[in-house]
Amino acid sequence: MNWFLNAFDIKTLLVTNLGELKEALLYEKLSGKKVQCKLCNHYCLIDDGKTGFCAVRLNEGGKLYSLSYGKSNGFAVDPIEKKPFYHFRPGTPVLSFGTPGCNFRCRGCQNWDLSQLPRNSKDPKHVFDSVTTTGPERVAALCLENDCAGVAYTYSEPTIFFEYARDCVKETRKLDAKHYHVFVSNGYFSPQMLDLVKKEKLLEAIRIDLKFADDALYADYCGAKAGYKVIVENIKRVFEAGIHCEVINLLVPGLNDDEASVRKTVKLLAGVSKDVPLHFLKFFPHYRKDDVGATSDETLLSARKIAREEGMRFVYLGNTALEGGGDTSCPKCGNVVVKRSGFGLVENKLVVNAKTREGKCPKCGEKIYGSW
């Protein structure tokens, strides 16, 4: 099964067999061999012999194990803009990978064959027997061998393979501490997970998906019963922690693409910071959401107009060829400081401080949020 599309050729993988299951982090042992997972906001109570909602964290005899540790059968070298990050190290190549499983069950998931693989199986534990094992040491080596600037934990939700990602970060930094590490996340991680990320300085950036400003939609469409406020609070925590943050909002026709929904979502993000880059993405039918068509360009343009009315300084349109949808303009003077075509960087005019990576508009000197 091929889950990944390579943007560039990637050198041959050398895989390793890790053998025993990896004990999970961030869980509590309870009576009767029951455990509570504290990795994400499901906070699953898991009986002996059962898995949590993600179907990749297994309770065996009162200990919680990660079934997905090291389990990825595909890697790609992508431009960082594909994640999408537009204000973080533009134009740099990033090693991207994920593992089977997710703590959401989004009906329109474009990577459903990867994210929902364990959940769609009658025996999640043995789903992973046929998935190639690639140890953290090899991931680190691949990053260097393919001249990548960093590693993106993506395609599926990185929260649920946190132990694996954490070890990949550590092994990469043993070889070269200059490489960056980013999560492409649905934002449903627990405060405990983010506290560990901050304590160990594991990530330079997190891209978060704020899907809806409606609890019922989060529960029905994603299976996330804690609701949208959890996501907004995590965006705030990430931003205030000094970890670079960007947000996407996939506009699904008939669910969250009307003016009231868009404006509510934008207001929530503006309440965190009007500097956070906001990406409105065009929806295409996938998985169990083929009852609607793709988002219209008119809807995307309307969403951008609303976001600008609410004071958002950096608004982008993705999954579309609309002219200027990916360009970064100075919010003060309107000068286009970074021009893009698709996922490609065409021109970067920013005046960048090499030490701090802060960028300024070359025309008026306005500071442009990001790590350039």
Protein backbone atom coordinates (compact mmCIF):
# COMPACT_ATOMS: atom_id res chain seq x y z
CA MET A 1 0.00 0.00 0.00
CA ASN A 2 1.50 3.35 -1.03
CA TRP A 3 0.43 6.13 1.33
CA PHE A 4 2.93 8.78 0.34
CA LEU A 5 3.63 10.91 -2.72
CA ASN A 6 7.27 11.89 -3.04
CA ALA A 7 8.07 15.45 -4.00
CA PHE A 8 11.69 14.45 -4.59
CA ASP A 9 13.57 11.19 -4.98
CA ILE A 10 14.48 9.68 -1.64
CA LYS A 11 17.44 7.41 -0.97
CA THR A 12 16.89 3.75 -0.17
CA LEU A 13 15.54 2.98 3.29
CA LEU A 14 17.34 0.66 5.66
CA VAL A 15 14.84 -0.71 8.14
CA THR A 16 15.39 -2.26 11.52
CA ASN A 17 13.39 -4.64 13.65
CA LEU A 18 12.68 -3.13 17.05
CA GLY A 19 11.14 -6.30 18.44
CA GLU A 20 9.24 -5.69 21.69
CA LEU A 21 6.44 -3.18 22.04
CA LYS A 22 7.33 0.25 23.40
CA GLU A 23 5.75 1.21 26.72
CA ALA A 24 3.75 4.40 26.35
CA LEU A 25 4.37 7.71 28.03
CA LEU A 26 1.77 9.83 29.81
CA TYR A 27 -0.60 7.30 31.30
CA GLU A 28 -1.80 6.36 34.76
CA LYS A 29 -2.23 2.86 36.17
CA LEU A 30 -5.61 2.28 37.83
CA SER A 31 -7.13 -0.56 39.82
CA GLY A 32 -8.09 -3.80 38.15
CA LYS A 33 -5.33 -3.48 35.52
CA LYS A 34 -7.20 -0.56 33.96
CA VAL A 35 -5.19 2.45 32.71
CA GLN A 36 -5.97 6.01 31.70
CA CYS A 37 -4.13 7.42 28.73
CA LYS A 38 -3.24 11.11 29.11
CA LEU A 39 -1.73 11.74 25.70
CA CYS A 40 -4.73 13.46 24.15
CA ASN A 41 -8.05 14.96 25.18
CA HIS A 42 -9.94 11.69 24.84
CA TYR A 43 -8.30 10.66 28.14
CA CYS A 44 -9.31 7.08 27.37
CA LEU A 45 -9.97 4.64 30.20
CA ILE A 46 -8.65 1.37 28.78
CA ASP A 47 -9.37 -2.10 30.11
CA ASP A 48 -6.80 -4.88 30.03
CA GLY A 49 -6.46 -6.27 26.51
CA LYS A 50 -8.15 -3.27 24.89
CA THR A 51 -6.97 -0.26 22.90
CA GLY A 52 -7.95 3.39 23.22
CA PHE A 53 -10.01 5.40 20.72
CA CYS A 54 -6.97 5.73 18.44
CA ALA A 55 -6.66 1.91 18.28
CA VAL A 56 -2.87 2.12 18.58
CA ARG A 57 -2.35 2.25 22.35
CA LEU A 58 -2.85 -1.15 23.96
CA ASN A 59 -3.31 -2.08 27.60
CA GLU A 60 -1.57 -5.39 28.31
CA GLY A 61 -1.67 -6.51 31.91
CA GLY A 62 -2.04 -3.00 33.27
CA LYS A 63 0.71 -1.45 31.15
CA LEU A 64 0.04 0.80 28.16
CA TYR A 65 2.01 0.14 24.99
CA SER A 66 2.39 1.98 21.69
CA LEU A 67 1.57 -0.35 18.79
CA SER A 68 2.69 2.23 16.23
CA TYR A 69 6.21 2.82 17.56
CA GLY A 70 8.57 2.76 14.57
CA LYS A 71 5.80 1.59 12.25
CA SER A 72 5.94 3.55 9.02
CA ASN A 73 6.27 2.03 5.56
CA GLY A 74 6.67 5.28 3.63
CA PHE A 75 8.74 8.46 3.70
CA ALA A 76 8.83 11.53 1.48
CA VAL A 77 10.94 14.64 1.09
CA ASP A 78 8.54 17.58 0.84
CA PRO A 79 8.85 21.35 0.72
CA ILE A 80 7.90 22.74 4.13
CA GLU A 81 5.15 24.74 2.37
CA LYS A 82 3.27 21.49 1.75
CA LYS A 83 2.50 21.00 5.47
CA PRO A 84 1.50 23.92 5.10
CA PHE A 85 3.97 26.20 6.85
CA TYR A 86 4.36 29.57 5.11
CA HIS A 87 6.09 31.53 7.86
CA PHE A 88 8.56 28.87 8.96
CA ARG A 89 11.84 28.22 7.11
CA PRO A 90 10.36 28.81 3.64
CA GLY A 91 11.76 26.82 0.74
CA THR A 92 13.46 24.19 2.90
CA PRO A 93 13.10 20.44 2.26
CA VAL A 94 11.67 18.39 5.11
CA LEU A 95 11.61 14.64 5.70
CA SER A 96 7.95 13.69 6.18
CA PHE A 97 6.43 10.52 7.57
CA GLY A 98 3.57 9.17 9.65
CA THR A 99 2.28 5.95 11.14
CA PRO A 100 -1.08 4.16 10.92
CA GLY A 101 -3.73 5.41 13.32
CA CYS A 102 -5.36 8.61 14.50
CA ASN A 103 -7.29 9.96 17.49
CA PHE A 104 -9.89 11.41 15.10
CA ARG A 105 -12.14 9.65 12.59
CA CYS A 106 -12.82 12.55 10.21
CA ARG A 107 -15.30 11.55 7.54
CA GLY A 108 -13.48 13.52 4.85
CA CYS A 109 -9.94 12.39 5.67
CA GLN A 110 -7.66 12.41 2.62
CA ASN A 111 -5.25 9.96 4.31
CA TRP A 112 -7.96 7.64 5.61
CA ASP A 113 -6.23 4.46 4.41
CA LEU A 114 -3.39 5.33 6.79
CA SER A 115 -5.18 7.11 9.63
CA GLN A 116 -8.08 4.66 9.93
CA LEU A 117 -6.23 1.43 9.20
CA PRO A 118 -6.06 0.14 12.81
CA ARG A 119 -9.62 1.23 13.60
CA ASN A 120 -10.99 -0.50 10.51
CA SER A 121 -9.31 -3.75 11.51
CA LYS A 122 -10.81 -6.42 13.76
CA ASP A 123 -7.35 -6.95 15.31
CA PRO A 124 -5.44 -3.63 15.59
CA LYS A 125 -2.40 -5.25 17.20
CA HIS A 126 -1.66 -7.50 14.23
CA VAL A 127 -2.32 -4.75 11.66
CA PHE A 128 1.18 -3.56 12.45
CA ASP A 129 2.84 -6.91 11.81
CA SER A 130 2.94 -6.16 8.08
CA VAL A 131 4.06 -2.55 8.48
CA THR A 132 7.76 -1.89 7.99
CA THR A 133 9.67 -0.91 11.11
CA THR A 134 12.07 2.00 10.82
CA GLY A 135 13.93 2.88 14.00
CA PRO A 136 14.56 6.44 15.20
CA GLU A 137 18.28 6.13 14.41
CA ARG A 138 17.45 5.38 10.78
CA VAL A 139 14.98 8.26 10.59
CA ALA A 140 17.73 10.59 11.81
CA ALA A 141 20.14 9.21 9.23
CA LEU A 142 17.58 9.62 6.45
CA CYS A 143 17.14 13.28 7.35
CA LEU A 144 20.85 13.93 6.88
CA GLU A 145 21.34 11.64 3.87
CA ASN A 146 18.59 13.42 1.95
CA ASP A 147 19.85 16.92 2.84
CA CYS A 148 16.70 17.82 4.73
CA ALA A 149 16.50 20.86 6.98
CA GLY A 150 14.21 19.05 9.40
CA VAL A 151 11.60 16.39 10.06
CA ALA A 152 7.80 16.72 9.82
CA TYR A 153 5.66 14.27 11.76
CA THR A 154 2.59 14.24 9.57
CA TYR A 155 0.11 12.34 7.31
CA SER A 156 -1.57 10.89 10.41
CA GLU A 157 -1.87 12.52 13.85
CA PRO A 158 1.62 12.68 15.44
CA THR A 159 0.18 12.84 18.94
CA ILE A 160 -0.64 9.14 18.80
CA PHE A 161 2.94 8.17 17.87
CA PHE A 162 4.47 10.67 20.28
CA GLU A 163 6.99 8.21 21.79
CA TYR A 164 8.35 7.40 18.34
CA ALA A 165 8.49 11.06 17.30
CA ARG A 166 10.21 12.02 20.55
CA ASP A 167 12.95 9.45 20.02
CA CYS A 168 13.37 10.54 16.39
CA VAL A 169 13.92 14.11 17.58
CA LYS A 170 16.54 12.98 20.08
CA GLU A 171 18.39 10.78 17.60
CA THR A 172 18.42 13.50 14.93
CA ARG A 173 19.83 16.01 17.38
CA LYS A 174 22.62 13.61 18.27
CA LEU A 175 23.75 13.81 14.65
CA ASP A 176 23.05 17.51 14.09
CA ALA A 177 21.23 19.83 16.48
CA LYS A 178 20.49 22.37 13.73
CA HIS A 179 17.67 20.36 12.20
CA TYR A 180 14.13 21.45 13.06
CA HIS A 181 11.15 19.27 14.03
CA VAL A 182 7.50 20.06 13.36
CA PHE A 183 4.14 18.47 14.13
CA VAL A 184 1.26 18.62 11.65
CA SER A 185 -1.53 18.15 14.15
CA ASN A 186 -5.27 18.21 14.72
CA GLY A 187 -4.56 20.04 17.99
CA TYR A 188 -6.32 17.51 20.23
CA PHE A 189 -3.22 16.74 22.30
CA SER A 190 -3.36 16.99 26.08
CA PRO A 191 -1.77 19.75 28.19
CA GLN A 192 0.48 17.02 29.61
CA MET A 193 1.86 16.23 26.16
CA LEU A 194 2.50 19.87 25.36
CA ASP A 195 4.17 20.36 28.75
CA LEU A 196 6.62 17.59 27.88
CA VAL A 197 7.23 19.11 24.45
CA LYS A 198 8.03 22.44 26.11
CA LYS A 199 10.15 20.91 28.87
CA GLU A 200 12.32 18.95 26.45
CA LYS A 201 12.17 21.58 23.67
CA LEU A 202 11.17 18.92 21.18
CA LEU A 203 9.44 21.00 18.51
CA GLU A 204 10.16 24.23 16.71
CA ALA A 205 6.73 24.48 15.10
CA ILE A 206 3.22 22.99 15.20
CA ARG A 207 0.60 23.39 12.47
CA ILE A 208 -2.88 22.94 13.94
CA ASP A 209 -6.16 22.19 12.20
CA LEU A 210 -9.08 24.21 13.63
CA LYS A 211 -11.84 22.35 11.83
CA PHE A 212 -14.99 23.83 13.31
CA ALA A 213 -16.26 26.38 15.81
CA ASP A 214 -19.03 23.96 16.79
CA ASP A 215 -18.86 21.19 19.41
CA ALA A 216 -21.53 19.06 17.75
CA LEU A 217 -19.64 19.04 14.44
CA TYR A 218 -16.39 18.09 16.15
CA ALA A 219 -18.15 15.18 17.86
CA ASP A 220 -20.05 14.00 14.78
CA TYR A 221 -17.48 14.61 12.04
CA CYS A 222 -14.27 13.83 13.99
CA GLY A 223 -15.33 11.86 17.05
CA ALA A 224 -13.82 14.57 19.27
CA LYS A 225 -16.25 15.01 22.14
CA ALA A 226 -14.23 17.58 24.09
CA GLY A 227 -15.08 20.17 21.42
CA TYR A 228 -13.44 23.10 19.68
CA LYS A 229 -12.43 25.02 22.82
CA VAL A 230 -9.75 22.40 23.48
CA ILE A 231 -8.23 23.11 20.07
CA VAL A 232 -8.35 26.88 20.52
CA GLU A 233 -6.76 26.61 23.96
CA ASN A 234 -3.96 24.48 22.53
CA ILE A 235 -3.35 27.01 19.76
CA LYS A 236 -3.04 29.64 22.48
CA ARG A 237 -0.68 27.50 24.55
CA VAL A 238 1.55 26.75 21.57
CA PHE A 239 1.70 30.39 20.49
CA GLU A 240 2.40 31.66 24.02
CA ALA A 241 5.10 29.01 24.50
CA GLY A 242 7.06 30.57 21.64
CA ILE A 243 6.60 27.51 19.41
CA HIS A 244 5.88 28.65 15.88
CA CYS A 245 2.20 28.11 15.11
CA GLU A 246 0.10 28.16 11.95
CA VAL A 247 -3.56 27.15 11.60
CA ILE A 248 -5.63 25.65 8.80
CA ASN A 249 -9.39 25.65 8.36
CA LEU A 250 -10.73 23.22 5.77
CA LEU A 251 -13.93 24.68 4.35
CA VAL A 252 -16.40 21.80 3.94
CA PRO A 253 -19.49 22.75 1.89
CA GLY A 254 -22.60 22.79 4.01
CA LEU A 255 -20.76 22.35 7.31
CA ASN A 256 -18.50 25.31 8.05
CA ASP A 257 -18.30 27.40 4.87
CA ASP A 258 -21.11 29.88 5.56
CA GLU A 259 -20.29 33.43 6.64
CA ALA A 260 -21.38 32.97 10.26
CA SER A 261 -19.24 29.85 10.75
CA VAL A 262 -16.19 31.38 9.09
CA ARG A 263 -16.49 34.60 11.10
CA LYS A 264 -16.83 32.69 14.38
CA THR A 265 -13.75 30.59 13.58
CA VAL A 266 -11.75 33.67 12.64
CA LYS A 267 -12.79 35.51 15.81
CA LEU A 268 -11.61 32.57 17.91
CA LEU A 269 -8.19 32.66 16.26
CA ALA A 270 -7.99 36.45 16.39
CA GLY A 271 -8.59 36.16 20.13
CA VAL A 272 -5.31 34.25 20.37
CA SER A 273 -3.32 36.50 18.03
CA LYS A 274 -3.96 38.24 14.74
CA ASP A 275 -0.40 37.30 13.75
CA VAL A 276 -1.09 33.56 13.55
CA PRO A 277 -1.05 32.60 9.84
CA LEU A 278 -4.46 31.25 8.80
CA HIS A 279 -4.84 28.91 5.82
CA PHE A 280 -8.29 28.34 4.33
CA LEU A 281 -8.19 25.09 2.37
CA LYS A 282 -10.39 23.88 -0.45
CA PHE A 283 -12.21 20.65 0.39
CA PHE A 284 -12.30 17.69 -2.00
CA PRO A 285 -14.52 14.63 -1.33
CA HIS A 286 -12.66 11.81 0.45
CA TYR A 287 -13.40 8.73 2.54
CA ARG A 288 -16.91 8.87 4.06
CA LYS A 289 -17.73 12.39 2.90
CA ASP A 290 -18.52 12.01 -0.80
CA ASP A 291 -22.02 13.49 -0.56
CA VAL A 292 -20.80 17.03 -1.32
CA GLY A 293 -18.62 18.60 -3.96
CA ALA A 294 -15.43 20.60 -3.70
CA THR A 295 -15.32 24.03 -2.09
CA SER A 296 -15.85 26.83 -4.60
CA ASP A 297 -13.21 29.48 -5.20
CA GLU A 298 -15.82 32.10 -4.38
CA THR A 299 -16.18 30.60 -0.89
CA LEU A 300 -12.42 30.71 -0.37
CA LEU A 301 -12.25 34.35 -1.46
CA SER A 302 -15.16 35.23 0.80
CA ALA A 303 -13.46 33.53 3.77
CA ARG A 304 -10.27 35.51 3.17
CA LYS A 305 -12.27 38.75 3.01
CA ILE A 306 -13.94 37.93 6.34
CA ALA A 307 -10.61 37.10 7.98
CA ARG A 308 -9.12 40.38 6.85
CA GLU A 309 -12.18 42.26 8.12
CA GLU A 310 -11.55 40.67 11.53
CA GLY A 311 -7.96 41.90 11.48
CA MET A 312 -6.04 38.72 10.66
CA ARG A 313 -2.71 39.80 9.24
CA PHE A 314 -1.73 36.72 7.25
CA VAL A 315 -4.43 34.80 5.38
CA TYR A 316 -3.83 32.14 2.72
CA LEU A 317 -5.90 30.05 0.31
CA GLY A 318 -4.78 26.46 -0.20
CA ASN A 319 -5.59 23.53 -2.52
CA THR A 320 -6.35 26.07 -5.21
CA ALA A 321 -4.62 27.87 -8.06
CA LEU A 322 -6.13 31.26 -7.20
CA GLU A 323 -3.65 34.00 -8.04
CA GLY A 324 -1.87 35.30 -4.97
CA GLY A 325 -3.50 32.77 -2.65
CA GLY A 326 -0.14 31.69 -1.26
CA ASP A 327 1.65 35.05 -1.23
CA THR A 328 2.73 36.77 1.98
CA SER A 329 2.05 40.51 1.98
CA CYS A 330 3.18 43.08 4.51
CA PRO A 331 0.10 43.89 6.64
CA LYS A 332 1.24 47.50 6.97
CA CYS A 333 2.16 48.62 3.44
CA GLY A 334 0.78 45.77 1.31
CA ASN A 335 4.12 44.93 -0.30
CA VAL A 336 4.37 41.28 -1.40
CA VAL A 337 7.36 40.03 0.58
CA VAL A 338 7.15 36.31 -0.22
CA LYS A 339 5.75 35.02 -3.51
CA ARG A 340 4.74 31.39 -4.01
CA SER A 341 3.42 29.16 -6.76
CA GLY A 342 1.75 26.00 -5.50
CA PHE A 343 4.12 24.60 -2.89
CA GLY A 344 7.08 26.30 -4.53
CA LEU A 345 8.88 29.39 -3.26
CA VAL A 346 9.26 31.89 -6.11
CA GLU A 347 10.76 34.89 -4.31
CA ASN A 348 11.58 35.88 -0.72
CA LYS A 349 12.24 39.62 -0.29
CA LEU A 350 12.23 39.66 3.51
CA VAL A 351 15.08 41.24 5.39
CA VAL A 352 16.03 38.41 7.75
CA ASN A 353 18.12 38.54 10.91
CA ALA A 354 20.36 35.48 10.52
CA LYS A 355 20.68 35.02 14.28
CA THR A 356 17.07 35.44 15.41
CA ARG A 357 15.39 34.44 12.10
CA GLU A 358 13.06 37.43 12.42
CA GLY A 359 11.87 38.90 9.14
CA LYS A 360 10.98 42.47 8.21
CA CYS A 361 9.38 44.08 5.19
CA PRO A 362 12.14 45.59 3.01
CA LYS A 363 9.88 48.53 2.11
CA CYS A 364 8.53 49.76 5.46
CA GLY A 365 10.38 47.71 8.07
CA GLU A 366 7.26 46.07 9.52
CA LYS A 367 8.00 42.85 11.44
CA ILE A 368 6.51 39.75 9.79
CA TYR A 369 5.62 36.95 12.20
CA GLY A 370 7.60 33.78 11.70
CA SER A 371 10.92 32.00 11.80
CA TRP A 372 12.52 32.82 8.48
